[in-house]
C-alpha atoms as a PDB file:
ATOM      1  CA  MET A   1       7.449  10.949   5.494  1.00  0.00           C
ATOM      2  CA  LEU A   2       6.875  13.705   7.844  1.00  0.00           C
ATOM      3  CA  MET A   3       3.809  14.751   8.202  1.00  0.00           C
ATOM      4  CA  GLY A   4       2.744  18.332   8.901  1.00  0.00           C
ATOM      5  CA  GLU A   5       0.161  18.841  11.832  1.00  0.00           C
ATOM      6  CA  ASN A   6      -3.168  19.086   9.508  1.00  0.00           C
ATOM      7  CA  ARG A   7      -1.514  16.892   6.829  1.00  0.00           C
ATOM      8  CA  ARG A   8      -3.521  13.448   5.985  1.00  0.00           C
ATOM      9  CA  THR A   9      -1.752  10.632   4.542  1.00  0.00           C
ATOM     10  CA  ARG A  10      -3.472   9.636   1.366  1.00  0.00           C
ATOM     11  CA  VAL A  11      -3.948   5.697   1.299  1.00  0.00           C
ATOM     12  CA  MET A  12      -5.073   3.402  -1.632  1.00  0.00           C
ATOM     13  CA  ILE A  13      -5.564  -0.240  -1.207  1.00  0.00           C
ATOM     14  CA  VAL A  14      -5.023  -2.913  -3.708  1.00  0.00           C
ATOM     15  CA  ASP A  15      -6.414  -6.382  -3.166  1.00  0.00           C
ATOM     16  CA  ALA A  16      -8.286  -8.854  -4.979  1.00  0.00           C
ATOM     17  CA  HIS A  17     -10.287 -10.018  -1.730  1.00  0.00           C
ATOM     18  CA  THR A  18     -13.134  -7.981  -1.038  1.00  0.00           C
ATOM     19  CA  MET A  19     -13.049  -8.598   2.566  1.00  0.00           C
ATOM     20  CA  VAL A  20      -9.568  -7.394   2.884  1.00  0.00           C
ATOM     21  CA  ARG A  21      -9.998  -4.330   1.013  1.00  0.00           C
ATOM     22  CA  SER A  22     -13.308  -3.790   3.266  1.00  0.00           C
ATOM     23  CA  GLY A  23     -11.361  -4.751   6.501  1.00  0.00           C
ATOM     24  CA  LEU A  24      -8.408  -2.622   5.627  1.00  0.00           C
ATOM     25  CA  ALA A  25     -10.637   0.275   4.544  1.00  0.00           C
ATOM     26  CA  ALA A  26     -12.731   0.335   7.870  1.00  0.00           C
ATOM     27  CA  LEU A  27      -9.167   0.318   9.840  1.00  0.00           C
ATOM     28  CA  LEU A  28      -7.963   3.037   8.140  1.00  0.00           C
ATOM     29  CA  ILE A  29     -11.055   5.523   7.910  1.00  0.00           C
ATOM     30  CA  SER A  30     -10.784   5.382  12.170  1.00  0.00           C
ATOM     31  CA  PHE A  31      -7.618   6.986  11.892  1.00  0.00           C
ATOM     32  CA  ASP A  32      -7.616  10.907  12.218  1.00  0.00           C
ATOM     33  CA  ASP A  33      -4.671  11.521   9.990  1.00  0.00           C
ATOM     34  CA  VAL A  34      -5.341   9.292   7.283  1.00  0.00           C
ATOM     35  CA  THR A  35      -7.646   9.698   4.187  1.00  0.00           C
ATOM     36  CA  LEU A  36      -8.539   6.550   2.033  1.00  0.00           C
ATOM     37  CA  VAL A  37      -8.747   7.617  -1.494  1.00  0.00           C
ATOM     38  CA  GLY A  38      -9.606   4.329  -2.924  1.00  0.00           C
ATOM     39  CA  ALA A  39      -9.610   0.726  -3.344  1.00  0.00           C
ATOM     40  CA  ALA A  40      -8.856  -1.633  -6.356  1.00  0.00           C
ATOM     41  CA  CYS A  41      -9.276  -5.286  -6.750  1.00  0.00           C
ATOM     42  CA  GLU A  42      -6.708  -5.720  -9.684  1.00  0.00           C
ATOM     43  CA  ASN A  43      -3.959  -4.201 -10.999  1.00  0.00           C
ATOM     44  CA  GLU A  44      -5.291  -2.263 -14.032  1.00  0.00           C
ATOM     45  CA  ALA A  45      -7.777  -0.659 -11.852  1.00  0.00           C
ATOM     46  CA  ALA A  46      -5.097   0.619  -9.724  1.00  0.00           C
ATOM     47  CA  LEU A  47      -3.082   2.165 -12.165  1.00  0.00           C
ATOM     48  CA  ARG A  48      -6.017   4.361 -12.958  1.00  0.00           C
ATOM     49  CA  LEU A  49      -7.027   4.893  -9.443  1.00  0.00           C
ATOM     50  CA  CYS A  50      -3.320   6.023  -8.694  1.00  0.00           C
ATOM     51  CA  ARG A  51      -3.603   8.462 -11.599  1.00  0.00           C
ATOM     52  CA  ASP A  52      -6.778  10.032 -10.321  1.00  0.00           C
ATOM     53  CA  THR A  53      -5.910  10.397  -6.684  1.00  0.00           C
ATOM     54  CA  ARG A  54      -2.054  10.268  -6.448  1.00  0.00           C
ATOM     55  CA  PRO A  55      -1.888   8.670  -3.043  1.00  0.00           C
ATOM     56  CA  ASP A  56       0.893   8.949  -0.598  1.00  0.00           C
ATOM     57  CA  VAL A  57       0.800   5.182   0.530  1.00  0.00           C
ATOM     58  CA  VAL A  58      -0.462   2.263  -1.756  1.00  0.00           C
ATOM     59  CA  LEU A  59      -1.216  -0.730   0.268  1.00  0.00           C
ATOM     60  CA  MET A  60      -0.619  -3.484  -2.167  1.00  0.00           C
ATOM     61  CA  ALA A  61      -1.308  -7.522  -1.783  1.00  0.00           C
ATOM     62  CA  LEU A  62       1.961  -8.885  -3.277  1.00  0.00           C
ATOM     63  CA  THR A  63       1.787 -11.683  -5.893  1.00  0.00           C
ATOM     64  CA  ASP A  64       3.303 -12.675  -8.852  1.00  0.00           C
ATOM     65  CA  GLU A  65       0.974 -10.578 -11.105  1.00  0.00           C
ATOM     66  CA  SER A  66       1.405  -7.445  -8.926  1.00  0.00           C
ATOM     67  CA  VAL A  67       5.154  -7.308  -9.269  1.00  0.00           C
ATOM     68  CA  ASP A  68       4.733  -5.653 -12.774  1.00  0.00           C
ATOM     69  CA  ALA A  69       2.029  -3.254 -11.329  1.00  0.00           C
ATOM     70  CA  ILE A  70       4.284  -2.163  -8.749  1.00  0.00           C
ATOM     71  CA  SER A  71       6.935  -1.161 -11.236  1.00  0.00           C
ATOM     72  CA  ALA A  72       4.222   0.795 -13.388  1.00  0.00           C
ATOM     73  CA  LEU A  73       2.569   2.882  -9.660  1.00  0.00           C
ATOM     74  CA  SER A  74       6.224   3.591  -8.917  1.00  0.00           C
ATOM     75  CA  GLN A  75       6.820   4.994 -12.346  1.00  0.00           C
ATOM     76  CA  LEU A  76       3.005   6.789 -12.612  1.00  0.00           C
ATOM     77  CA  ASN A  77       3.564   8.195  -8.912  1.00  0.00           C
ATOM     78  CA  PRO A  78       7.399   8.347  -7.844  1.00  0.00           C
ATOM     79  CA  ASN A  79       6.381   9.867  -4.284  1.00  0.00           C
ATOM     80  CA  ALA A  80       3.991   7.006  -3.359  1.00  0.00           C
ATOM     81  CA  ARG A  81       5.468   4.627  -0.682  1.00  0.00           C
ATOM     82  CA  ILE A  82       4.278   0.975  -2.047  1.00  0.00           C
ATOM     83  CA  ILE A  83       4.019  -1.140   1.100  1.00  0.00           C
ATOM     84  CA  ALA A  84       3.194  -4.907   0.007  1.00  0.00           C
ATOM     85  CA  LEU A  85       1.207  -7.068   2.058  1.00  0.00           C
ATOM     86  CA  MET A  86       1.834 -10.621   2.224  1.00  0.00           C
ATOM     87  CA  ASN A  87       0.285 -13.851   3.696  1.00  0.00           C
ATOM     88  CA  PHE A  88       3.911 -15.398   4.300  1.00  0.00           C
ATOM     89  CA  GLU A  89       7.230 -14.218   3.570  1.00  0.00           C
ATOM     90  CA  ASP A  90       8.412 -15.340   0.312  1.00  0.00           C
ATOM     91  CA  GLU A  91      11.595 -13.907  -0.010  1.00  0.00           C
ATOM     92  CA  ALA A  92      12.184 -14.427  -3.727  1.00  0.00           C
ATOM     93  CA  LEU A  93       8.718 -12.714  -4.234  1.00  0.00           C
ATOM     94  CA  LEU A  94       9.870  -9.729  -2.164  1.00  0.00           C
ATOM     95  CA  ALA A  95      12.957  -9.340  -3.896  1.00  0.00           C
ATOM     96  CA  ARG A  96      11.109  -8.788  -7.041  1.00  0.00           C
ATOM     97  CA  ALA A  97       9.029  -6.347  -5.359  1.00  0.00           C
ATOM     98  CA  LEU A  98      11.336  -4.369  -3.915  1.00  0.00           C
ATOM     99  CA  ASP A  99      13.588  -4.230  -7.183  1.00  0.00           C
ATOM    100  CA  ALA A 100      10.316  -2.830  -8.422  1.00  0.00           C
ATOM    101  CA  GLY A 101       9.619  -0.544  -6.277  1.00  0.00           C
ATOM    102  CA  ALA A 102       7.816  -1.267  -3.139  1.00  0.00           C
ATOM    103  CA  ALA A 103       9.444   0.602  -0.029  1.00  0.00           C
ATOM    104  CA  GLY A 104       8.709  -2.697   2.171  1.00  0.00           C
ATOM    105  CA  TYR A 105       6.552  -5.217   3.231  1.00  0.00           C
ATOM    106  CA  LEU A 106       3.728  -6.071   5.961  1.00  0.00           C
ATOM    107  CA  LEU A 107       2.472  -9.667   6.760  1.00  0.00           C
ATOM    108  CA  LYS A 108      -1.155  -9.526   6.388  1.00  0.00           C
ATOM    109  CA  ASN A 109      -1.523 -10.666  10.185  1.00  0.00           C
ATOM    110  CA  VAL A 110      -0.005  -7.270  11.244  1.00  0.00           C
ATOM    111  CA  SER A 111      -1.291  -5.421  14.152  1.00  0.00           C
ATOM    112  CA  ALA A 112      -3.306  -2.273  13.097  1.00  0.00           C
ATOM    113  CA  ALA A 113      -0.834  -0.310  15.560  1.00  0.00           C
ATOM    114  CA  ARG A 114       2.078  -1.367  13.147  1.00  0.00           C
ATOM    115  CA  LEU A 115      -0.044  -1.148   9.809  1.00  0.00           C
ATOM    116  CA  LEU A 116      -0.671   2.640  10.896  1.00  0.00           C
ATOM    117  CA  GLN A 117       3.044   2.941  11.756  1.00  0.00           C
ATOM    118  CA  ALA A 118       4.034   2.253   8.298  1.00  0.00           C
ATOM    119  CA  VAL A 119       1.274   4.265   6.948  1.00  0.00           C
ATOM    120  CA  ARG A 120       2.357   7.292   8.877  1.00  0.00           C
ATOM    121  CA  GLY A 121       6.195   6.609   7.533  1.00  0.00           C
ATOM    122  CA  ASP A 122       7.930   4.892  10.226  1.00  0.00           C
ATOM    123  CA  THR A 123      10.422   2.081   9.253  1.00  0.00           C
ATOM    124  CA  ILE A 124       8.884  -0.960   7.283  1.00  0.00           C
ATOM    125  CA  PRO A 125      10.659  -3.931   6.890  1.00  0.00           C
ATOM    126  CA  ALA A 126      12.424  -4.056   3.665  1.00  0.00           C
END
């Protein structure tokens, strides 16, 4: 996704863990070209938030339960790029997430620079 000079990427976070949501939020708001539009702790809240905020990017913790939410989010907002966040590589779960509409994935131990690249639309692993 190409960003115009004054265009800010609108990002939503979905993760069950408060510390993860808080850490990602603190990191994202430190970048001039990123706007955090909200964070959700569970899938139903994520769907409501996505409907209300229309994010450009959704950073979503990948679990068995989140695969259906990825599908619903990609139908609700087909222009949003959903980036699955994983604790460890699980090829079967990742394949399901990609089939459901995720654009790619990042491991949760990724560097801040790599996360920002993915949010900005640079290549992410798929």
